[in-house]
Each structure stands twice: as C-alpha cells, then as structure tokens.
Amino acid sequence: MARVKGGNVSKNRRRKVLKAAKGYFGSKHRLYKTAQEQLFHSGEYAYRDRKANKRNFRKLWITRINAACRENDISYSKFINGLNIAGVTINRKMLSEVAIADSKAFTELVQVAKDALANPTKTKKVEETKEVKKVEAKKEEKKAETKDYSKMTLAELKAVAKEQGIKGYSTMKKDELISNLK
C-alpha cells in the first residue's frame, strides 16, 4: 500500500496555525509544534479572561458608584438598597456612567434612594399595587385571547385544548376544536 503524506491539507493546517501564532515570542511563531501548543494555551487564557473581564468591569463600576455615593453622604450598600426598595431598576454600568457624566442626575437618584430608605413601607405598597395591576392585566389579556378562537391558528387551538384537557384534540380539525373549546 502506498504511503500517504497529506500534502496540501497538512501544509494548509500548519500554515493556519503559524499564521494564528504570528507575533508570539521566539520559536512560538516559527515552529509548528510549539506554535500549536502556545495557541492551545492562548485559547484557554482568552476563555478564562473573558469571564474575568466581566468581574473586573463590575468591580470598576461599583468603585465609581461608591465614590459618587460618598460625595453625596451615603454608602454604596445603602444606595443600592434604597434603589431596590424604591423599585428603580438600573444596572451598575449605567449608574457609573451617570455618576461620571451627570452628577445632578446621580444626586437625584441618591435622593430617591434616601427617601425610600426613610419611608420603606410607602414604596413597598406602591410596588405591590403595581404588581397586582400587572397580574390582573395579564389575566385579562389571557381571557381576551381565549374568547376569540376563530382568529387563532390550529397549533394555538391545540395548545388551548391540551391545557383544558380535551381528549383527542390532536386529530381534530380546526372547526371541531373551536366547537369543543366553546
């Protein structure tokens, strides 16, 4: 049997590895074996550091927010707690940008947090009523959707029939499903 060396395929694979290793120090960019090994390590470092980068940025944002909070006579933890009680949902990245770019707006946020910390029951009641209204609105939407079966697709009708426990819904036609659902 003839010996197969790989030819162009192997050459292209090695060329691709050496091209990716361009800029590495010493033999790591010249020799295929060491270049390939270094690329494996580089991939691991890149994966690890993509995760670490997220942690580092969050740490930076918290540091910036804390510095701005101290200027407004409140600690970072009390500020965040006050925002949570007040129902203000804004991420730390945006908070740090506001703290850097617009100190007046940040001062207003601090005031909202301080007010919420001073009167936590008032803001909690407001949040609870908002949540109740949202739940009621969702229930009304579901009722409105299920009443008009003629506008629904066959797949939607089958899903409703399954929820209601109608037997043999999978083989029914659309008009049969509509009549059984009513």
C-alpha atoms as a PDB file:
ATOM      1  CA  MET A   1       0.000   0.000   0.000  1.00  0.00           C
ATOM      2  CA  ALA A   2       1.265   3.485  -0.860  1.00  0.00           C
ATOM      3  CA  ARG A   3       2.315   5.943   1.806  1.00  0.00           C
ATOM      4  CA  VAL A   4       0.023   8.959   2.183  1.00  0.00           C
ATOM      5  CA  LYS A   5       1.718  12.123   3.410  1.00  0.00           C
ATOM      6  CA  GLY A   6      -1.239  14.533   3.483  1.00  0.00           C
ATOM      7  CA  GLY A   7       0.281  17.035   1.077  1.00  0.00           C
ATOM      8  CA  ASN A   8      -1.677  20.273   0.776  1.00  0.00           C
ATOM      9  CA  VAL A   9      -4.056  19.526   3.647  1.00  0.00           C
ATOM     10  CA  SER A  10      -1.274  19.207   6.221  1.00  0.00           C
ATOM     11  CA  LYS A  11       0.612  22.176   4.799  1.00  0.00           C
ATOM     12  CA  ASN A  12      -2.502  24.370   4.952  1.00  0.00           C
ATOM     13  CA  ARG A  13      -3.274  23.278   8.510  1.00  0.00           C
ATOM     14  CA  ARG A  14       0.277  24.088   9.643  1.00  0.00           C
ATOM     15  CA  ARG A  15       0.214  27.394   7.765  1.00  0.00           C
ATOM     16  CA  LYS A  16      -3.056  28.315   9.504  1.00  0.00           C
ATOM     17  CA  VAL A  17      -1.544  27.569  12.941  1.00  0.00           C
ATOM     18  CA  LEU A  18       1.592  29.584  12.192  1.00  0.00           C
ATOM     19  CA  LYS A  19      -0.496  32.480  10.903  1.00  0.00           C
ATOM     20  CA  ALA A  20      -2.531  32.484  14.137  1.00  0.00           C
ATOM     21  CA  ALA A  21       0.723  32.392  16.151  1.00  0.00           C
ATOM     22  CA  LYS A  22       2.079  35.476  14.392  1.00  0.00           C
ATOM     23  CA  GLY A  23       3.617  37.883  16.888  1.00  0.00           C
ATOM     24  CA  TYR A  24       4.488  35.291  19.522  1.00  0.00           C
ATOM     25  CA  PHE A  25       7.963  35.456  21.032  1.00  0.00           C
ATOM     26  CA  GLY A  26      10.834  33.190  19.978  1.00  0.00           C
ATOM     27  CA  SER A  27      10.171  29.831  18.410  1.00  0.00           C
ATOM     28  CA  LYS A  28       6.465  30.032  19.246  1.00  0.00           C
ATOM     29  CA  HIS A  29       5.821  31.834  15.983  1.00  0.00           C
ATOM     30  CA  ARG A  30       8.355  29.866  13.875  1.00  0.00           C
ATOM     31  CA  LEU A  31       7.978  26.191  14.795  1.00  0.00           C
ATOM     32  CA  TYR A  32       4.702  24.402  14.218  1.00  0.00           C
ATOM     33  CA  LYS A  33       4.768  22.213  17.318  1.00  0.00           C
ATOM     34  CA  THR A  34       5.499  24.987  19.806  1.00  0.00           C
ATOM     35  CA  ALA A  35       3.152  27.376  17.971  1.00  0.00           C
ATOM     36  CA  GLN A  36       0.299  24.885  18.224  1.00  0.00           C
ATOM     37  CA  GLU A  37       0.959  24.329  21.924  1.00  0.00           C
ATOM     38  CA  GLN A  38       1.031  28.072  22.558  1.00  0.00           C
ATOM     39  CA  LEU A  39      -2.242  28.528  20.653  1.00  0.00           C
ATOM     40  CA  PHE A  40      -3.920  25.953  22.914  1.00  0.00           C
ATOM     41  CA  HIS A  41      -2.736  27.873  25.965  1.00  0.00           C
ATOM     42  CA  SER A  42      -3.737  31.189  24.427  1.00  0.00           C
ATOM     43  CA  GLY A  43      -7.237  29.879  23.851  1.00  0.00           C
ATOM     44  CA  GLU A  44      -7.511  28.809  27.487  1.00  0.00           C
ATOM     45  CA  TYR A  45      -6.266  32.194  28.688  1.00  0.00           C
ATOM     46  CA  ALA A  46      -8.667  34.033  26.415  1.00  0.00           C
ATOM     47  CA  TYR A  47     -11.624  31.972  27.672  1.00  0.00           C
ATOM     48  CA  ARG A  48     -10.635  32.483  31.307  1.00  0.00           C
ATOM     49  CA  ASP A  49     -10.039  36.186  30.875  1.00  0.00           C
ATOM     50  CA  ARG A  50     -13.341  36.808  29.087  1.00  0.00           C
ATOM     51  CA  LYS A  51     -15.010  35.674  32.303  1.00  0.00           C
ATOM     52  CA  ALA A  52     -12.583  37.634  34.491  1.00  0.00           C
ATOM     53  CA  ASN A  53     -13.152  40.762  32.407  1.00  0.00           C
ATOM     54  CA  LYS A  54     -16.827  40.806  33.387  1.00  0.00           C
ATOM     55  CA  ARG A  55     -15.868  40.622  37.064  1.00  0.00           C
ATOM     56  CA  ASN A  56     -13.258  43.357  36.666  1.00  0.00           C
ATOM     57  CA  PHE A  57     -15.654  45.749  34.970  1.00  0.00           C
ATOM     58  CA  ARG A  58     -18.345  45.168  37.592  1.00  0.00           C
ATOM     59  CA  LYS A  59     -15.749  45.896  40.279  1.00  0.00           C
ATOM     60  CA  LEU A  60     -14.782  49.119  38.484  1.00  0.00           C
ATOM     61  CA  TRP A  61     -18.397  50.246  38.164  1.00  0.00           C
ATOM     62  CA  ILE A  62     -19.053  49.576  41.854  1.00  0.00           C
ATOM     63  CA  THR A  63     -15.928  51.552  42.798  1.00  0.00           C
ATOM     64  CA  ARG A  64     -17.089  54.522  40.716  1.00  0.00           C
ATOM     65  CA  ILE A  65     -20.612  54.393  42.152  1.00  0.00           C
ATOM     66  CA  ASN A  66     -19.231  54.144  45.681  1.00  0.00           C
ATOM     67  CA  ALA A  67     -17.047  57.215  45.136  1.00  0.00           C
ATOM     68  CA  ALA A  68     -20.027  59.201  43.834  1.00  0.00           C
ATOM     69  CA  CYS A  69     -22.170  57.974  46.726  1.00  0.00           C
ATOM     70  CA  ARG A  70     -19.594  59.111  49.281  1.00  0.00           C
ATOM     71  CA  GLU A  71     -19.713  62.595  47.755  1.00  0.00           C
ATOM     72  CA  ASN A  72     -23.477  62.561  48.396  1.00  0.00           C
ATOM     73  CA  ASP A  73     -23.138  61.327  52.025  1.00  0.00           C
ATOM     74  CA  ILE A  74     -24.429  57.787  51.574  1.00  0.00           C
ATOM     75  CA  SER A  75     -22.696  54.410  51.403  1.00  0.00           C
ATOM     76  CA  TYR A  76     -22.846  52.231  48.303  1.00  0.00           C
ATOM     77  CA  SER A  77     -24.788  49.438  50.006  1.00  0.00           C
ATOM     78  CA  LYS A  78     -27.425  51.809  51.409  1.00  0.00           C
ATOM     79  CA  PHE A  79     -27.726  53.478  47.999  1.00  0.00           C
ATOM     80  CA  ILE A  80     -28.326  50.189  46.186  1.00  0.00           C
ATOM     81  CA  ASN A  81     -30.730  49.024  48.904  1.00  0.00           C
ATOM     82  CA  GLY A  82     -32.648  52.298  48.657  1.00  0.00           C
ATOM     83  CA  LEU A  83     -32.912  51.970  44.878  1.00  0.00           C
ATOM     84  CA  ASN A  84     -34.220  48.411  45.251  1.00  0.00           C
ATOM     85  CA  ILE A  85     -36.820  49.498  47.805  1.00  0.00           C
ATOM     86  CA  ALA A  86     -37.852  52.396  45.552  1.00  0.00           C
ATOM     87  CA  GLY A  87     -38.266  49.981  42.645  1.00  0.00           C
ATOM     88  CA  VAL A  88     -35.629  51.664  40.493  1.00  0.00           C
ATOM     89  CA  THR A  89     -34.044  49.074  38.211  1.00  0.00           C
ATOM     90  CA  ILE A  90     -30.857  50.381  36.668  1.00  0.00           C
ATOM     91  CA  ASN A  91     -27.701  48.355  36.239  1.00  0.00           C
ATOM     92  CA  ARG A  92     -24.345  49.267  37.709  1.00  0.00           C
ATOM     93  CA  LYS A  93     -22.810  50.084  34.334  1.00  0.00           C
ATOM     94  CA  MET A  94     -25.395  52.789  33.682  1.00  0.00           C
ATOM     95  CA  LEU A  95     -25.190  54.034  37.271  1.00  0.00           C
ATOM     96  CA  SER A  96     -21.440  54.524  36.915  1.00  0.00           C
ATOM     97  CA  GLU A  97     -21.916  56.333  33.597  1.00  0.00           C
ATOM     98  CA  VAL A  98     -24.481  58.627  35.203  1.00  0.00           C
ATOM     99  CA  ALA A  99     -22.148  59.226  38.140  1.00  0.00           C
ATOM    100  CA  ILE A 100     -19.337  60.256  35.766  1.00  0.00           C
ATOM    101  CA  ALA A 101     -21.276  62.212  33.146  1.00  0.00           C
ATOM    102  CA  ASP A 102     -24.212  63.759  35.009  1.00  0.00           C
ATOM    103  CA  SER A 103     -23.670  64.363  38.720  1.00  0.00           C
ATOM    104  CA  LYS A 104     -27.023  66.191  39.096  1.00  0.00           C
ATOM    105  CA  ALA A 105     -28.966  63.170  37.862  1.00  0.00           C
ATOM    106  CA  PHE A 106     -26.940  60.927  40.172  1.00  0.00           C
ATOM    107  CA  THR A 107     -27.737  63.237  43.094  1.00  0.00           C
ATOM    108  CA  GLU A 108     -31.435  62.874  42.240  1.00  0.00           C
ATOM    109  CA  LEU A 109     -31.053  59.079  42.274  1.00  0.00           C
ATOM    110  CA  VAL A 110     -29.352  59.333  45.666  1.00  0.00           C
ATOM    111  CA  GLN A 111     -32.285  61.416  46.918  1.00  0.00           C
ATOM    112  CA  VAL A 112     -34.745  58.784  45.646  1.00  0.00           C
ATOM    113  CA  ALA A 113     -32.757  56.096  47.495  1.00  0.00           C
ATOM    114  CA  LYS A 114     -32.649  58.166  50.699  1.00  0.00           C
ATOM    115  CA  ASP A 115     -36.408  58.798  50.537  1.00  0.00           C
ATOM    116  CA  ALA A 116     -37.060  55.099  50.022  1.00  0.00           C
ATOM    117  CA  LEU A 117     -34.848  54.229  52.995  1.00  0.00           C
ATOM    118  CA  ALA A 118     -36.678  56.782  55.157  1.00  0.00           C
ATOM    119  CA  ASN A 119     -40.168  55.502  54.177  1.00  0.00           C
ATOM    120  CA  PRO A 120     -39.791  51.865  53.064  1.00  0.00           C
ATOM    121  CA  THR A 121     -43.444  50.912  53.709  1.00  0.00           C
ATOM    122  CA  LYS A 122     -44.793  53.592  51.382  1.00  0.00           C
ATOM    123  CA  THR A 123     -42.710  52.472  48.412  1.00  0.00           C
ATOM    124  CA  LYS A 124     -43.377  48.782  49.067  1.00  0.00           C
ATOM    125  CA  LYS A 125     -47.127  49.382  48.941  1.00  0.00           C
ATOM    126  CA  VAL A 126     -46.737  51.201  45.643  1.00  0.00           C
ATOM    127  CA  GLU A 127     -44.717  48.289  44.260  1.00  0.00           C
ATOM    128  CA  GLU A 128     -47.279  45.749  45.475  1.00  0.00           C
ATOM    129  CA  THR A 129     -50.149  47.614  43.838  1.00  0.00           C
ATOM    130  CA  LYS A 130     -48.171  47.831  40.591  1.00  0.00           C
ATOM    131  CA  GLU A 131     -47.521  44.088  40.674  1.00  0.00           C
ATOM    132  CA  VAL A 132     -51.183  43.326  41.386  1.00  0.00           C
ATOM    133  CA  LYS A 133     -52.233  45.518  38.473  1.00  0.00           C
ATOM    134  CA  LYS A 134     -49.755  43.752  36.182  1.00  0.00           C
ATOM    135  CA  VAL A 135     -51.071  40.314  37.191  1.00  0.00           C
ATOM    136  CA  GLU A 136     -54.663  41.406  36.663  1.00  0.00           C
ATOM    137  CA  ALA A 137     -53.795  42.864  33.259  1.00  0.00           C
ATOM    138  CA  LYS A 138     -52.164  39.576  32.219  1.00  0.00           C
ATOM    139  CA  LYS A 139     -55.248  37.628  33.305  1.00  0.00           C
ATOM    140  CA  GLU A 140     -57.489  39.933  31.292  1.00  0.00           C
ATOM    141  CA  GLU A 141     -55.248  39.525  28.231  1.00  0.00           C
ATOM    142  CA  LYS A 142     -55.445  35.743  28.506  1.00  0.00           C
ATOM    143  CA  LYS A 143     -59.226  35.868  28.760  1.00  0.00           C
ATOM    144  CA  ALA A 144     -59.418  38.159  25.737  1.00  0.00           C
ATOM    145  CA  GLU A 145     -57.171  35.844  23.735  1.00  0.00           C
ATOM    146  CA  THR A 146     -59.076  32.660  24.525  1.00  0.00           C
ATOM    147  CA  LYS A 147     -62.545  34.056  23.743  1.00  0.00           C
ATOM    148  CA  ASP A 148     -61.929  34.596  20.018  1.00  0.00           C
ATOM    149  CA  TYR A 149     -60.967  31.115  18.819  1.00  0.00           C
ATOM    150  CA  SER A 150     -61.660  31.814  15.160  1.00  0.00           C
ATOM    151  CA  LYS A 151     -58.613  34.103  14.871  1.00  0.00           C
ATOM    152  CA  MET A 152     -56.267  31.538  16.442  1.00  0.00           C
ATOM    153  CA  THR A 153     -54.137  29.135  14.435  1.00  0.00           C
ATOM    154  CA  LEU A 154     -54.566  25.377  14.604  1.00  0.00           C
ATOM    155  CA  ALA A 155     -51.419  24.997  16.712  1.00  0.00           C
ATOM    156  CA  GLU A 156     -52.672  27.602  19.213  1.00  0.00           C
ATOM    157  CA  LEU A 157     -56.054  25.910  19.378  1.00  0.00           C
ATOM    158  CA  LYS A 158     -54.420  22.559  20.058  1.00  0.00           C
ATOM    159  CA  ALA A 159     -52.363  24.118  22.853  1.00  0.00           C
ATOM    160  CA  VAL A 160     -55.512  25.558  24.457  1.00  0.00           C
ATOM    161  CA  ALA A 161     -57.286  22.218  24.082  1.00  0.00           C
ATOM    162  CA  LYS A 162     -54.369  20.461  25.735  1.00  0.00           C
ATOM    163  CA  GLU A 163     -54.481  22.919  28.661  1.00  0.00           C
ATOM    164  CA  GLN A 164     -58.229  22.343  29.100  1.00  0.00           C
ATOM    165  CA  GLY A 165     -57.790  18.569  28.967  1.00  0.00           C
ATOM    166  CA  ILE A 166     -59.858  17.842  25.850  1.00  0.00           C
ATOM    167  CA  LYS A 167     -59.226  14.272  24.658  1.00  0.00           C
ATOM    168  CA  GLY A 168     -58.386  13.560  21.033  1.00  0.00           C
ATOM    169  CA  TYR A 169     -57.528  17.150  20.237  1.00  0.00           C
ATOM    170  CA  SER A 170     -54.520  16.153  18.118  1.00  0.00           C
ATOM    171  CA  THR A 171     -56.660  14.557  15.380  1.00  0.00           C
ATOM    172  CA  MET A 172     -59.431  17.182  15.323  1.00  0.00           C
ATOM    173  CA  LYS A 173     -59.857  19.756  12.589  1.00  0.00           C
ATOM    174  CA  LYS A 174     -59.990  23.476  13.332  1.00  0.00           C
ATOM    175  CA  ASP A 175     -63.789  23.854  13.375  1.00  0.00           C
ATOM    176  CA  GLU A 176     -64.148  20.746  15.580  1.00  0.00           C
ATOM    177  CA  LEU A 177     -61.605  22.184  18.019  1.00  0.00           C
ATOM    178  CA  ILE A 178     -63.420  25.529  18.129  1.00  0.00           C
ATOM    179  CA  SER A 179     -66.756  23.846  18.851  1.00  0.00           C
ATOM    180  CA  ASN A 180     -65.248  21.659  21.605  1.00  0.00           C
ATOM    181  CA  LEU A 181     -63.483  24.628  23.221  1.00  0.00           C
ATOM    182  CA  LYS A 182     -66.722  26.655  23.345  1.00  0.00           C
END
